[in-house]
Amino acid sequence: MNTLKQSKFKLFLNTMMQQLGKIGTTLMFPIAILPVAAILLRIGADVPTNTTFSAFIQKTVTFSGDLVFGHLYLLFTIGLAFGFTKERRGEAAFAGAIAIIIVAKLVPIMSSSIYSTVDLGYSTVNSNGTITLGFEAIFGSKINAILGENVLTGIIVGAIVAWIYNKTSNVELPKILGFFSGKRLIPALAIVFAFVFSVIYAIIFPWIAFAIFQLSKSLSDATSPNAEYTLGVRFTRASIMGVYGFLNRLLIPFGLHHIPNNIFWFQLGEFPKAGGLPTDVVVGDINIFLSGVAKNNPGGLFQAGFFPMMMFGIPALVAAFVFTAENKEQKIRVIALLGSSALVSFLSGITEPVEFAFLYASPLLYLVHAILTGVFSFITGAFGIQLGFGFSAGLMDYILSISKSLAIINDSGFTGAHKVFANPGWIIVIGAFTAATYFSISVLLIKKLNLNTPGRGKGKISEEEKVNEVKVKETNNQINSLSLKARKIVKGFGGWNNIIEYNNCSTRLRYIVKDGSKVDEKLIKQAGAMGVVKISDNSYQAIIGVEVEALNNEIVSNIGKEL
């Protein structure tokens, strides 16, 4: 009986990990557009408004970027409804859009009515003298955005609409209702679901929003620049950043880091919006930094800590791998394999190609990497540096963030040590110390413990990997339009008949297979993968790098062709 329970529990964990990992994949759809929107907001914020024409340009550019961040709930719903379906059909995305529009409008209205007489410790007096209680008193004019138009609601609605599609897209109704059979049934079911869901959600979710409100308020108070010289507040803020940075790296191997990222970056805290009415606010660390007024802006607190690790720590790790490689030939091969990945991390903040190159061969070193990320996030917080990014903490976002960071310092009236240490230029100094620490500790651990990092021990890079896979110059070796790399990937996953679903995120192939025993991890790595992650018995991820989308598109376009 105990064995049976353990087997069921293992199956439950595998299924949960598989589904949570899939969320990370599908979230890349809406997340992928954020860098462009962030650049528009950043440019718009710097356009002068002293003439009619420049004011028009400023408003147009800013509004274009703001539309994206203001409708994240809709984008996330469509992304998940589309990405979670077996066939990735447009009908599911359409149904998801219908459902979230209904939910976003109904939930605030219903919750306001249900809890209109409940005193939660907050109240407002209207111009006519009436007192407003309940959640409407807490959230005010932003009740629609908080209770209905939020990313969490979008994720839930999108996932459920996708589930409805997967279960009912092939249903045949009686002839009298035949028009609604098959995929035309999905929007109708989405409307029914949206109404029922709104009733339940209006009862339950306001309390979740209230808890998030209380947490956000306490964290916002703890990270407030106005309280910077309170020692307890300073170290509370730094500690929060440190713990978050540590957990973020620990979740990377499972593809679950997007979940806490969404909480910190899109749900945490609220702040007055620049150029808006006094009642207009923006929510989430990214939005607050980009779109909030500069004075006393607390934004960027949960982003700045990643810059030292991504710009300096990861490249220093690669340098340590090169330094500790067994011989000159292996040093050259490590540079060929990871040199470009180190540069990508420095410029754009994409770290996975390097991390998965050593994660499973040397998990202890990866744990040290996670700890160091937390440590330097803490140090960045202790300095009081505020920086933001549209995609990740690389050089490009660092340069774009400097002007807003300096504006926050100047407009908030920082003085003395606070003004000196909050300067974003300290990232270079902290980064140099980060690089030195990463390099020295990594070299020490690799040599003392004889770790199997790239270029030594079981991590040696073969000639085949170097010539055929890493350089990815395979276009002259194609058979039936399928490149050598793509053919090896498909074979490594057990062939066409063994692969059930073909998905990818920004750096990983995420495939579901029928029989996990047919997966050949060695062959997948020979095809140039930095690593292979087994999420469950049937769910695998191959770490490819920034070219992963082109590779997956090539594979999907040639399904069934001769290998």
Protein backbone atom coordinates (compact mmCIF):
# COMPACT_ATOMS: atom_id res chain seq x y z
CA MET A 1 0.00 0.00 0.00
CA ASN A 2 2.84 2.38 0.88
CA THR A 3 4.49 1.59 -2.45
CA LEU A 4 1.23 2.35 -4.26
CA LYS A 5 0.87 5.67 -2.42
CA GLN A 6 4.47 6.59 -3.25
CA SER A 7 3.84 5.72 -6.90
CA LYS A 8 0.71 7.90 -7.01
CA PHE A 9 2.52 10.74 -5.27
CA LYS A 10 5.39 10.50 -7.75
CA LEU A 11 2.91 10.55 -10.63
CA PHE A 12 1.23 13.61 -9.11
CA LEU A 13 4.57 15.41 -8.73
CA ASN A 14 5.60 14.53 -12.28
CA THR A 15 2.31 15.79 -13.66
CA MET A 16 2.49 18.98 -11.60
CA MET A 17 6.09 19.68 -12.64
CA GLN A 18 5.19 19.04 -16.25
CA GLN A 19 2.26 21.47 -16.18
CA LEU A 20 4.14 24.15 -14.21
CA GLY A 21 7.05 23.83 -16.61
CA LYS A 22 4.62 24.30 -19.48
CA ILE A 23 3.47 27.57 -17.94
CA GLY A 24 7.04 28.81 -18.19
CA THR A 25 7.02 27.94 -21.89
CA THR A 26 3.73 29.56 -22.77
CA LEU A 27 4.44 32.73 -20.78
CA MET A 28 7.21 33.48 -23.26
CA PHE A 29 4.55 34.52 -25.80
CA PRO A 30 3.43 37.65 -23.93
CA ILE A 31 6.79 38.23 -22.23
CA ALA A 32 8.56 38.35 -25.62
CA ILE A 33 6.88 41.65 -26.53
CA LEU A 34 7.79 43.46 -23.32
CA PRO A 35 11.30 44.61 -24.40
CA VAL A 36 9.87 46.60 -27.33
CA ALA A 37 7.16 48.14 -25.14
CA ALA A 38 9.78 48.98 -22.51
CA ILE A 39 11.97 50.73 -25.07
CA LEU A 40 8.98 52.77 -26.28
CA LEU A 41 8.19 53.82 -22.71
CA ARG A 42 11.82 54.69 -22.06
CA ILE A 43 12.15 56.75 -25.25
CA GLY A 44 8.79 58.42 -24.68
CA ALA A 45 9.79 59.45 -21.17
CA ASP A 46 12.84 61.28 -22.56
CA VAL A 47 11.07 63.14 -25.39
CA PRO A 48 10.62 66.84 -24.51
CA THR A 49 7.12 68.31 -24.37
CA ASN A 50 7.94 72.00 -24.81
CA THR A 51 6.38 72.18 -28.31
CA THR A 52 3.08 70.91 -29.67
CA PHE A 53 4.80 68.54 -32.09
CA SER A 54 7.23 67.07 -29.54
CA ALA A 55 4.39 66.67 -27.05
CA PHE A 56 2.43 64.77 -29.71
CA ILE A 57 5.42 62.49 -30.38
CA GLN A 58 5.98 61.95 -26.66
CA LYS A 59 2.34 61.06 -26.07
CA THR A 60 2.17 58.72 -29.08
CA VAL A 61 5.35 56.80 -28.27
CA THR A 62 4.55 56.53 -24.55
CA PHE A 63 0.94 55.52 -25.20
CA SER A 64 2.08 52.74 -27.55
CA GLY A 65 4.30 51.22 -24.88
CA ASP A 66 1.78 51.84 -22.12
CA LEU A 67 -0.94 49.96 -24.03
CA VAL A 68 1.12 46.78 -23.77
CA PHE A 69 1.82 47.04 -20.04
CA GLY A 70 -1.74 48.14 -19.37
CA HIS A 71 -3.21 45.06 -21.04
CA LEU A 72 -0.88 42.35 -19.78
CA TYR A 73 -3.83 40.39 -18.39
CA LEU A 74 -5.30 40.13 -21.91
CA LEU A 75 -1.97 39.22 -23.48
CA PHE A 76 -1.26 36.55 -20.88
CA THR A 77 -4.72 35.04 -21.35
CA ILE A 78 -4.33 34.82 -25.11
CA GLY A 79 -0.79 33.48 -24.76
CA LEU A 80 -1.78 30.66 -22.41
CA ALA A 81 -5.03 29.82 -24.19
CA PHE A 82 -3.04 29.48 -27.41
CA GLY A 83 0.07 27.84 -25.97
CA PHE A 84 -1.68 25.28 -23.77
CA THR A 85 -3.75 23.77 -26.56
CA LYS A 86 -2.51 20.62 -28.22
CA GLU A 87 -2.61 22.13 -31.69
CA ARG A 88 -1.91 25.77 -30.77
CA ARG A 89 -5.08 26.90 -32.50
CA GLY A 90 -6.28 30.44 -33.03
CA GLU A 91 -9.79 29.45 -31.94
CA ALA A 92 -8.50 28.90 -28.40
CA ALA A 93 -6.83 32.33 -28.35
CA PHE A 94 -10.07 33.91 -29.60
CA ALA A 95 -12.12 32.13 -26.91
CA GLY A 96 -9.58 33.16 -24.26
CA ALA A 97 -9.91 36.80 -25.28
CA ILE A 98 -13.71 36.63 -25.00
CA ALA A 99 -13.55 34.95 -21.59
CA ILE A 100 -11.09 37.39 -20.02
CA ILE A 101 -13.03 40.43 -21.26
CA ILE A 102 -16.17 39.10 -19.54
CA VAL A 103 -14.32 38.13 -16.35
CA ALA A 104 -12.42 41.42 -16.17
CA LYS A 105 -15.68 43.41 -16.30
CA LEU A 106 -17.93 41.20 -14.16
CA VAL A 107 -15.65 40.37 -11.21
CA PRO A 108 -15.17 43.97 -9.92
CA ILE A 109 -18.91 44.69 -10.23
CA MET A 110 -19.92 41.48 -8.44
CA SER A 111 -17.33 41.76 -5.65
CA SER A 112 -18.26 45.39 -4.98
CA SER A 113 -21.90 44.39 -4.58
CA ILE A 114 -21.19 41.31 -2.44
CA TYR A 115 -18.85 43.07 -0.01
CA SER A 116 -20.32 46.58 -0.11
CA THR A 117 -21.19 46.53 3.64
CA VAL A 118 -18.07 44.72 4.93
CA ASP A 119 -15.69 46.89 6.95
CA LEU A 120 -12.08 45.83 6.23
CA GLY A 121 -10.51 48.67 8.15
CA TYR A 122 -10.57 51.06 5.22
CA SER A 123 -13.33 53.47 4.20
CA THR A 124 -13.80 56.48 1.93
CA VAL A 125 -16.25 59.39 2.09
CA ASN A 126 -17.75 60.37 -1.25
CA SER A 127 -18.54 63.93 -2.31
CA ASN A 128 -22.21 63.39 -1.42
CA GLY A 129 -21.28 62.27 2.09
CA THR A 130 -21.89 58.53 1.67
CA ILE A 131 -19.32 56.12 3.06
CA THR A 132 -17.83 53.39 0.88
CA LEU A 133 -16.68 50.18 2.56
CA GLY A 134 -15.43 46.81 1.37
CA PHE A 135 -12.87 46.24 -1.32
CA GLU A 136 -14.03 49.25 -3.30
CA ALA A 137 -12.83 51.44 -0.44
CA ILE A 138 -9.41 49.78 -0.53
CA PHE A 139 -8.80 49.72 -4.26
CA GLY A 140 -10.87 52.75 -5.30
CA SER A 141 -10.73 53.59 -9.00
CA LYS A 142 -8.24 50.78 -9.56
CA ILE A 143 -10.64 48.05 -8.47
CA ASN A 144 -11.16 46.97 -12.09
CA ALA A 145 -7.43 46.63 -12.70
CA ILE A 146 -6.77 44.85 -9.41
CA LEU A 147 -9.65 42.39 -9.27
CA GLY A 148 -10.25 41.75 -12.96
CA GLU A 149 -7.47 43.11 -15.14
CA ASN A 150 -4.50 41.41 -13.53
CA VAL A 151 -1.97 38.90 -14.80
CA LEU A 152 -2.93 36.17 -12.33
CA THR A 153 -6.54 36.24 -13.55
CA GLY A 154 -5.28 36.13 -17.11
CA ILE A 155 -3.14 33.07 -16.41
CA ILE A 156 -6.03 31.20 -14.75
CA VAL A 157 -8.58 32.04 -17.44
CA GLY A 158 -6.17 31.26 -20.27
CA ALA A 159 -5.24 27.88 -18.81
CA ILE A 160 -8.87 26.86 -18.21
CA VAL A 161 -9.98 27.93 -21.70
CA ALA A 162 -7.14 25.84 -23.14
CA TRP A 163 -8.31 22.88 -21.04
CA ILE A 164 -11.87 23.35 -22.34
CA TYR A 165 -10.55 23.42 -25.90
CA ASN A 166 -8.48 20.26 -25.46
CA LYS A 167 -11.46 18.39 -24.01
CA THR A 168 -14.25 19.57 -26.32
CA SER A 169 -12.80 20.65 -29.69
CA ASN A 170 -13.87 17.37 -31.31
CA VAL A 171 -17.32 17.09 -29.71
CA GLU A 172 -20.18 16.44 -32.14
CA LEU A 173 -23.58 17.86 -31.12
CA PRO A 174 -27.03 16.70 -32.33
CA LYS A 175 -27.91 17.87 -35.85
CA ILE A 176 -30.20 20.62 -34.60
CA LEU A 177 -27.16 22.17 -32.88
CA GLY A 178 -24.68 20.97 -35.48
CA PHE A 179 -23.49 24.47 -36.29
CA PHE A 180 -21.85 24.64 -32.87
CA SER A 181 -20.04 21.31 -33.17
CA GLY A 182 -16.28 21.01 -33.01
CA LYS A 183 -14.17 24.13 -32.68
CA ARG A 184 -17.17 26.50 -33.04
CA LEU A 185 -18.33 25.18 -29.67
CA ILE A 186 -15.31 26.63 -27.87
CA PRO A 187 -16.32 30.35 -27.81
CA ALA A 188 -19.82 29.43 -26.60
CA LEU A 189 -18.42 27.32 -23.78
CA ALA A 190 -15.93 30.08 -22.98
CA ILE A 191 -18.80 32.55 -22.43
CA VAL A 192 -20.64 30.13 -20.13
CA PHE A 193 -17.43 29.37 -18.24
CA ALA A 194 -16.61 33.08 -17.90
CA PHE A 195 -19.94 33.84 -16.25
CA VAL A 196 -19.78 30.93 -13.76
CA PHE A 197 -16.12 31.61 -13.05
CA SER A 198 -16.79 35.31 -12.44
CA VAL A 199 -19.34 34.53 -9.72
CA ILE A 200 -16.96 32.18 -7.88
CA TYR A 201 -13.93 34.41 -8.46
CA ALA A 202 -15.77 37.52 -7.21
CA ILE A 203 -16.31 35.77 -3.87
CA ILE A 204 -12.83 34.28 -3.44
CA PHE A 205 -10.28 36.41 -5.25
CA PRO A 206 -10.85 39.75 -3.46
CA TRP A 207 -9.44 38.14 -0.31
CA ILE A 208 -6.38 36.98 -2.23
CA ALA A 209 -6.05 40.50 -3.64
CA PHE A 210 -6.41 41.86 -0.11
CA ALA A 211 -3.56 39.64 1.11
CA ILE A 212 -1.41 40.74 -1.83
CA PHE A 213 -2.36 44.33 -1.06
CA GLN A 214 -1.22 43.96 2.56
CA LEU A 215 2.01 42.22 1.54
CA SER A 216 2.67 44.75 -1.19
CA LYS A 217 2.07 47.63 1.16
CA SER A 218 4.41 46.24 3.81
CA LEU A 219 7.11 45.47 1.26
CA SER A 220 6.65 48.85 -0.40
CA ASP A 221 6.99 50.54 2.97
CA ALA A 222 10.11 48.48 3.70
CA THR A 223 11.68 49.51 0.41
CA SER A 224 10.60 53.14 0.44
CA PRO A 225 13.41 55.60 -0.41
CA ASN A 226 11.93 57.93 2.19
CA ALA A 227 12.94 55.42 4.86
CA GLU A 228 16.39 54.75 3.38
CA TYR A 229 18.37 55.84 6.43
CA THR A 230 16.46 53.55 8.76
CA LEU A 231 18.91 50.69 9.20
CA GLY A 232 16.18 48.10 9.64
CA VAL A 233 14.41 49.19 6.43
CA ARG A 234 17.65 49.20 4.45
CA PHE A 235 18.55 45.64 5.44
CA THR A 236 14.97 44.41 5.09
CA ARG A 237 14.94 45.61 1.49
CA ALA A 238 18.35 44.12 0.79
CA SER A 239 17.37 40.82 2.42
CA ILE A 240 14.20 40.58 0.33
CA MET A 241 16.26 41.11 -2.81
CA GLY A 242 18.83 38.54 -1.72
CA VAL A 243 16.30 35.81 -0.97
CA TYR A 244 14.44 36.50 -4.21
CA GLY A 245 17.66 36.30 -6.25
CA PHE A 246 18.59 32.99 -4.62
CA LEU A 247 15.16 31.43 -5.23
CA ASN A 248 15.08 32.72 -8.79
CA ARG A 249 18.24 30.80 -9.68
CA LEU A 250 17.07 27.65 -7.87
CA LEU A 251 13.91 27.57 -10.00
CA ILE A 252 15.73 28.04 -13.33
CA PRO A 253 16.42 24.27 -13.81
CA PHE A 254 12.70 23.56 -13.59
CA GLY A 255 11.62 26.42 -15.81
CA LEU A 256 9.49 27.76 -12.94
CA HIS A 257 11.32 31.04 -12.38
CA HIS A 258 8.64 32.89 -14.37
CA ILE A 259 6.13 32.33 -11.56
CA PRO A 260 7.88 34.35 -8.79
CA ASN A 261 9.08 36.80 -11.43
CA ASN A 262 5.48 37.63 -12.30
CA ILE A 263 4.65 38.16 -8.63
CA PHE A 264 7.54 40.54 -8.02
CA TRP A 265 7.61 42.32 -11.37
CA PHE A 266 3.92 42.61 -12.26
CA GLN A 267 1.91 42.27 -9.03
CA LEU A 268 4.00 43.76 -6.22
CA GLY A 269 3.20 47.25 -4.95
CA GLU A 270 1.61 50.28 -6.60
CA PHE A 271 2.78 53.83 -7.28
CA PRO A 272 1.44 57.03 -8.93
CA LYS A 273 1.74 57.04 -12.71
CA ALA A 274 3.88 59.68 -14.40
CA GLY A 275 1.81 62.17 -16.37
CA GLY A 276 -1.47 60.73 -15.09
CA LEU A 277 -4.14 61.87 -12.71
CA PRO A 278 -3.46 61.69 -8.95
CA THR A 279 -5.60 58.54 -8.84
CA ASP A 280 -3.73 56.81 -11.68
CA VAL A 281 -1.29 54.19 -10.44
CA VAL A 282 0.93 51.49 -11.91
CA VAL A 283 1.48 48.08 -10.33
CA GLY A 284 4.57 45.87 -10.25
CA ASP A 285 8.27 46.64 -9.94
CA ILE A 286 8.87 46.87 -13.70
CA ASN A 287 5.89 49.12 -14.38
CA ILE A 288 6.60 51.31 -11.36
CA PHE A 289 10.19 51.91 -12.45
CA LEU A 290 9.33 52.56 -16.10
CA SER A 291 6.02 54.43 -15.79
CA GLY A 292 5.91 55.80 -12.25
CA VAL A 293 6.74 59.37 -11.32
CA ALA A 294 10.43 59.80 -10.52
CA LYS A 295 10.01 61.39 -7.09
CA ASN A 296 10.31 58.76 -4.33
CA ASN A 297 9.91 56.00 -6.96
CA PRO A 298 10.66 52.60 -5.33
CA GLY A 299 10.77 50.76 -8.70
CA GLY A 300 13.72 48.70 -9.86
CA LEU A 301 14.41 47.36 -6.39
CA PHE A 302 13.70 43.78 -7.44
CA GLN A 303 15.53 44.03 -10.75
CA ALA A 304 18.80 45.79 -9.93
CA GLY A 305 20.21 42.80 -8.04
CA PHE A 306 20.38 40.67 -11.18
CA PHE A 307 22.72 42.98 -13.13
CA PRO A 308 25.97 41.99 -11.31
CA MET A 309 25.32 38.27 -11.81
CA MET A 310 24.14 38.39 -15.43
CA MET A 311 26.62 40.96 -16.72
CA PHE A 312 29.68 39.84 -14.75
CA GLY A 313 29.12 36.64 -12.76
CA ILE A 314 28.15 34.35 -15.63
CA PRO A 315 30.99 35.50 -17.94
CA ALA A 316 33.40 35.00 -15.00
CA LEU A 317 32.10 31.42 -14.64
CA VAL A 318 32.94 30.79 -18.28
CA ALA A 319 36.40 32.24 -17.68
CA ALA A 320 36.79 29.79 -14.77
CA PHE A 321 35.81 26.89 -17.04
CA VAL A 322 38.42 27.98 -19.59
CA PHE A 323 41.07 28.43 -16.89
CA THR A 324 40.46 24.98 -15.36
CA ALA A 325 40.11 23.07 -18.66
CA GLU A 326 42.47 20.08 -18.83
CA ASN A 327 44.58 21.22 -21.77
CA LYS A 328 44.98 23.86 -24.44
CA GLU A 329 42.69 22.06 -26.87
CA GLN A 330 39.92 21.83 -24.29
CA LYS A 331 40.37 25.52 -23.45
CA ILE A 332 39.81 26.39 -27.11
CA ARG A 333 36.74 24.17 -27.26
CA VAL A 334 35.25 25.69 -24.09
CA ILE A 335 35.70 29.15 -25.60
CA ALA A 336 34.03 27.96 -28.83
CA LEU A 337 31.18 26.35 -26.88
CA LEU A 338 30.50 28.99 -24.23
CA GLY A 339 32.24 32.18 -25.36
CA SER A 340 29.27 33.45 -27.32
CA SER A 341 26.92 32.43 -24.48
CA ALA A 342 28.95 34.51 -22.03
CA LEU A 343 28.68 37.49 -24.38
CA VAL A 344 24.91 36.96 -24.71
CA SER A 345 24.59 36.94 -20.92
CA PHE A 346 26.60 40.17 -20.67
CA LEU A 347 24.63 41.98 -23.37
CA SER A 348 21.09 40.63 -22.94
CA GLY A 349 20.96 38.82 -19.59
CA ILE A 350 20.13 35.35 -20.99
CA THR A 351 22.09 33.01 -18.72
CA GLU A 352 20.63 29.56 -19.32
CA PRO A 353 23.06 28.36 -22.04
CA VAL A 354 25.92 28.72 -19.55
CA GLU A 355 24.03 27.51 -16.48
CA PHE A 356 22.82 24.30 -18.10
CA ALA A 357 26.30 23.59 -19.40
CA PHE A 358 27.41 22.69 -15.86
CA LEU A 359 24.23 22.34 -13.78
CA TYR A 360 23.80 18.59 -13.86
CA ALA A 361 27.47 17.74 -14.06
CA SER A 362 28.29 19.91 -11.05
CA PRO A 363 25.13 20.67 -9.02
CA LEU A 364 27.23 21.88 -6.08
CA LEU A 365 28.71 24.63 -8.23
CA TYR A 366 25.23 25.59 -9.38
CA LEU A 367 24.12 25.86 -5.74
CA VAL A 368 27.09 28.17 -5.09
CA HIS A 369 26.03 30.19 -8.12
CA ALA A 370 22.51 30.56 -6.67
CA ILE A 371 23.93 31.60 -3.29
CA LEU A 372 26.25 34.17 -4.90
CA THR A 373 23.31 35.58 -6.86
CA GLY A 374 21.51 36.11 -3.56
CA VAL A 375 24.59 37.63 -1.93
CA PHE A 376 25.21 40.20 -4.65
CA SER A 377 21.49 40.99 -4.92
CA PHE A 378 21.68 41.76 -1.20
CA ILE A 379 24.74 43.98 -1.71
CA THR A 380 23.03 45.85 -4.56
CA GLY A 381 20.01 46.40 -2.30
CA ALA A 382 22.21 47.61 0.53
CA PHE A 383 23.66 50.24 -1.82
CA GLY A 384 20.12 51.41 -2.65
CA ILE A 385 20.61 51.09 -6.43
CA GLN A 386 17.44 51.19 -8.54
CA LEU A 387 17.56 49.83 -12.10
CA GLY A 388 14.94 48.28 -14.37
CA PHE A 389 14.80 46.20 -17.51
CA GLY A 390 12.38 45.33 -20.28
CA PHE A 391 13.62 41.77 -20.77
CA SER A 392 16.60 40.91 -18.58
CA ALA A 393 19.52 42.41 -16.69
CA GLY A 394 22.09 42.80 -19.47
CA LEU A 395 24.21 45.72 -20.66
CA MET A 396 21.54 46.99 -23.07
CA ASP A 397 18.91 47.35 -20.36
CA TYR A 398 21.49 48.74 -17.95
CA ILE A 399 22.35 51.60 -20.34
CA LEU A 400 18.66 52.32 -21.01
CA SER A 401 17.90 52.40 -17.27
CA ILE A 402 20.59 54.85 -16.21
CA SER A 403 18.66 58.02 -17.08
CA LYS A 404 15.56 56.97 -15.11
CA SER A 405 17.70 55.80 -12.19
CA LEU A 406 19.46 59.19 -12.03
CA ALA A 407 16.12 61.00 -12.34
CA ILE A 408 14.82 59.10 -9.30
CA ILE A 409 17.91 60.11 -7.32
CA ASN A 410 17.67 63.79 -8.27
CA ASP A 411 13.88 64.25 -8.10
CA SER A 412 13.64 62.40 -4.78
CA GLY A 413 16.18 64.74 -3.22
CA PHE A 414 18.73 62.08 -2.22
CA THR A 415 21.63 63.61 -0.29
CA GLY A 416 24.93 62.57 1.24
CA ALA A 417 25.84 58.88 1.32
CA HIS A 418 22.39 57.88 0.08
CA LYS A 419 22.89 59.87 -3.15
CA VAL A 420 26.44 58.61 -3.64
CA PHE A 421 25.75 54.90 -3.18
CA ALA A 422 22.43 54.85 -5.08
CA ASN A 423 24.22 55.91 -8.26
CA PRO A 424 23.82 53.18 -10.93
CA GLY A 425 27.51 53.51 -11.79
CA TRP A 426 28.27 51.37 -8.74
CA ILE A 427 26.95 48.37 -10.69
CA ILE A 428 30.29 48.33 -12.54
CA VAL A 429 32.23 48.24 -9.27
CA ILE A 430 29.94 45.64 -7.70
CA GLY A 431 30.07 43.71 -10.97
CA ALA A 432 33.87 43.64 -10.96
CA PHE A 433 33.81 42.29 -7.40
CA THR A 434 31.13 39.80 -8.48
CA ALA A 435 33.30 38.58 -11.36
CA ALA A 436 36.36 38.20 -9.11
CA THR A 437 34.33 36.28 -6.51
CA TYR A 438 32.69 34.01 -9.06
CA PHE A 439 36.00 33.27 -10.75
CA SER A 440 38.04 32.61 -7.60
CA ILE A 441 35.41 30.47 -5.83
CA SER A 442 34.63 28.52 -9.00
CA VAL A 443 38.28 27.79 -9.72
CA LEU A 444 38.84 26.73 -6.10
CA LEU A 445 35.86 24.36 -6.07
CA ILE A 446 36.58 22.91 -9.51
CA LYS A 447 40.19 22.11 -8.66
CA LYS A 448 39.74 21.00 -5.04
CA LEU A 449 36.69 18.82 -5.71
CA ASN A 450 37.70 17.85 -9.27
CA LEU A 451 34.31 18.86 -10.64
CA ASN A 452 33.19 17.74 -14.10
CA THR A 453 32.77 21.19 -15.57
CA PRO A 454 33.06 21.88 -19.32
CA GLY A 455 36.55 21.04 -20.50
CA ARG A 456 37.51 18.54 -17.80
CA GLY A 457 36.56 15.06 -16.61
CA LYS A 458 33.21 13.90 -17.92
CA GLY A 459 32.67 17.43 -19.15
CA LYS A 460 35.27 17.18 -21.91
CA ILE A 461 34.07 18.56 -25.23
CA SER A 462 34.46 16.16 -28.14
CA GLU A 463 35.68 17.15 -31.59
CA GLU A 464 32.28 16.32 -33.06
CA GLU A 465 30.54 18.72 -30.70
CA LYS A 466 33.02 21.44 -31.49
CA VAL A 467 32.98 21.22 -35.29
CA ASN A 468 29.52 20.05 -36.21
CA GLU A 469 27.25 21.26 -33.45
CA VAL A 470 28.53 24.35 -31.70
CA LYS A 471 29.32 26.36 -34.81
CA VAL A 472 25.95 25.32 -36.25
CA LYS A 473 27.23 25.38 -39.83
CA GLU A 474 25.06 22.57 -41.08
CA THR A 475 23.18 24.05 -44.00
CA ASN A 476 25.30 22.12 -46.52
CA ASN A 477 24.57 18.80 -44.79
CA GLN A 478 20.78 18.85 -45.05
CA ILE A 479 18.61 15.88 -45.96
CA ASN A 480 14.98 16.57 -46.92
CA SER A 481 15.35 20.20 -45.64
CA LEU A 482 16.18 18.90 -42.15
CA SER A 483 19.61 19.97 -40.88
CA LEU A 484 22.07 17.62 -39.21
CA LYS A 485 21.46 19.30 -35.85
CA ALA A 486 17.68 19.00 -36.15
CA ARG A 487 17.90 15.33 -37.20
CA LYS A 488 20.03 14.50 -34.17
CA ILE A 489 17.64 16.34 -31.87
CA VAL A 490 14.67 14.38 -33.22
CA LYS A 491 16.57 11.08 -32.99
CA GLY A 492 17.68 11.99 -29.46
CA PHE A 493 14.04 12.37 -28.42
CA GLY A 494 13.24 8.94 -29.83
CA GLY A 495 12.09 9.87 -33.32
CA TRP A 496 8.93 11.33 -34.78
CA ASN A 497 6.66 8.62 -33.40
CA ASN A 498 7.90 9.18 -29.84
CA ILE A 499 7.41 12.98 -29.68
CA ILE A 500 3.92 14.11 -28.69
CA GLU A 501 4.32 17.87 -28.29
CA TYR A 502 6.88 20.31 -29.73
CA ASN A 503 7.31 23.49 -27.66
CA ASN A 504 10.07 25.99 -26.96
CA CYS A 505 10.76 29.04 -24.80
CA SER A 506 13.50 31.63 -25.34
CA THR A 507 16.37 29.16 -24.85
CA ARG A 508 14.91 25.64 -24.46
CA LEU A 509 13.15 22.94 -26.44
CA ARG A 510 10.34 21.58 -24.23
CA TYR A 511 9.14 18.26 -25.63
CA ILE A 512 6.60 15.74 -24.36
CA VAL A 513 7.39 12.14 -25.37
CA LYS A 514 5.48 8.85 -25.25
CA ASP A 515 8.34 6.76 -23.87
CA GLY A 516 11.06 8.48 -21.83
CA SER A 517 13.32 5.41 -22.06
CA LYS A 518 13.82 6.16 -25.77
CA VAL A 519 15.31 9.60 -25.05
CA ASP A 520 19.07 9.62 -25.73
CA GLU A 521 20.48 12.54 -23.73
CA LYS A 522 24.01 11.96 -25.07
CA LEU A 523 22.83 12.31 -28.67
CA ILE A 524 20.88 15.48 -27.83
CA LYS A 525 24.00 16.99 -26.24
CA GLN A 526 26.05 15.99 -29.29
CA ALA A 527 23.61 18.05 -31.32
CA GLY A 528 24.77 21.13 -29.43
CA ALA A 529 22.42 21.17 -26.43
CA MET A 530 23.99 22.68 -23.31
CA GLY A 531 22.07 20.22 -21.16
CA VAL A 532 18.99 18.03 -20.93
CA VAL A 533 16.44 18.39 -18.13
CA LYS A 534 14.05 15.56 -17.19
CA ILE A 535 10.97 17.27 -15.78
CA SER A 536 8.95 14.04 -15.53
CA ASP A 537 8.90 10.59 -17.11
CA ASN A 538 7.50 12.09 -20.32
CA SER A 539 8.59 15.74 -20.21
CA TYR A 540 12.10 16.80 -21.26
CA GLN A 541 13.83 20.10 -21.92
CA ALA A 542 16.91 20.56 -24.11
CA ILE A 543 18.91 23.74 -23.50
CA ILE A 544 19.78 25.11 -26.95
CA GLY A 545 20.30 28.86 -26.68
CA VAL A 546 18.88 31.89 -28.46
CA GLU A 547 18.51 30.01 -31.78
CA VAL A 548 16.02 27.58 -30.23
CA GLU A 549 12.92 29.03 -31.91
CA ALA A 550 14.40 28.68 -35.40
CA LEU A 551 15.45 25.10 -34.60
CA ASN A 552 12.01 24.13 -33.27
CA ASN A 553 10.29 25.73 -36.28
CA GLU A 554 12.56 23.74 -38.57
CA ILE A 555 11.72 20.50 -36.77
CA VAL A 556 7.96 21.18 -36.73
CA SER A 557 7.99 22.12 -40.42
CA ASN A 558 9.56 18.76 -41.32
CA ILE A 559 7.61 16.37 -39.07
CA GLY A 560 7.61 12.86 -40.46
CA LYS A 561 10.47 13.32 -42.93
CA GLU A 562 13.25 10.78 -43.20
CA LEU A 563 15.94 10.96 -40.52
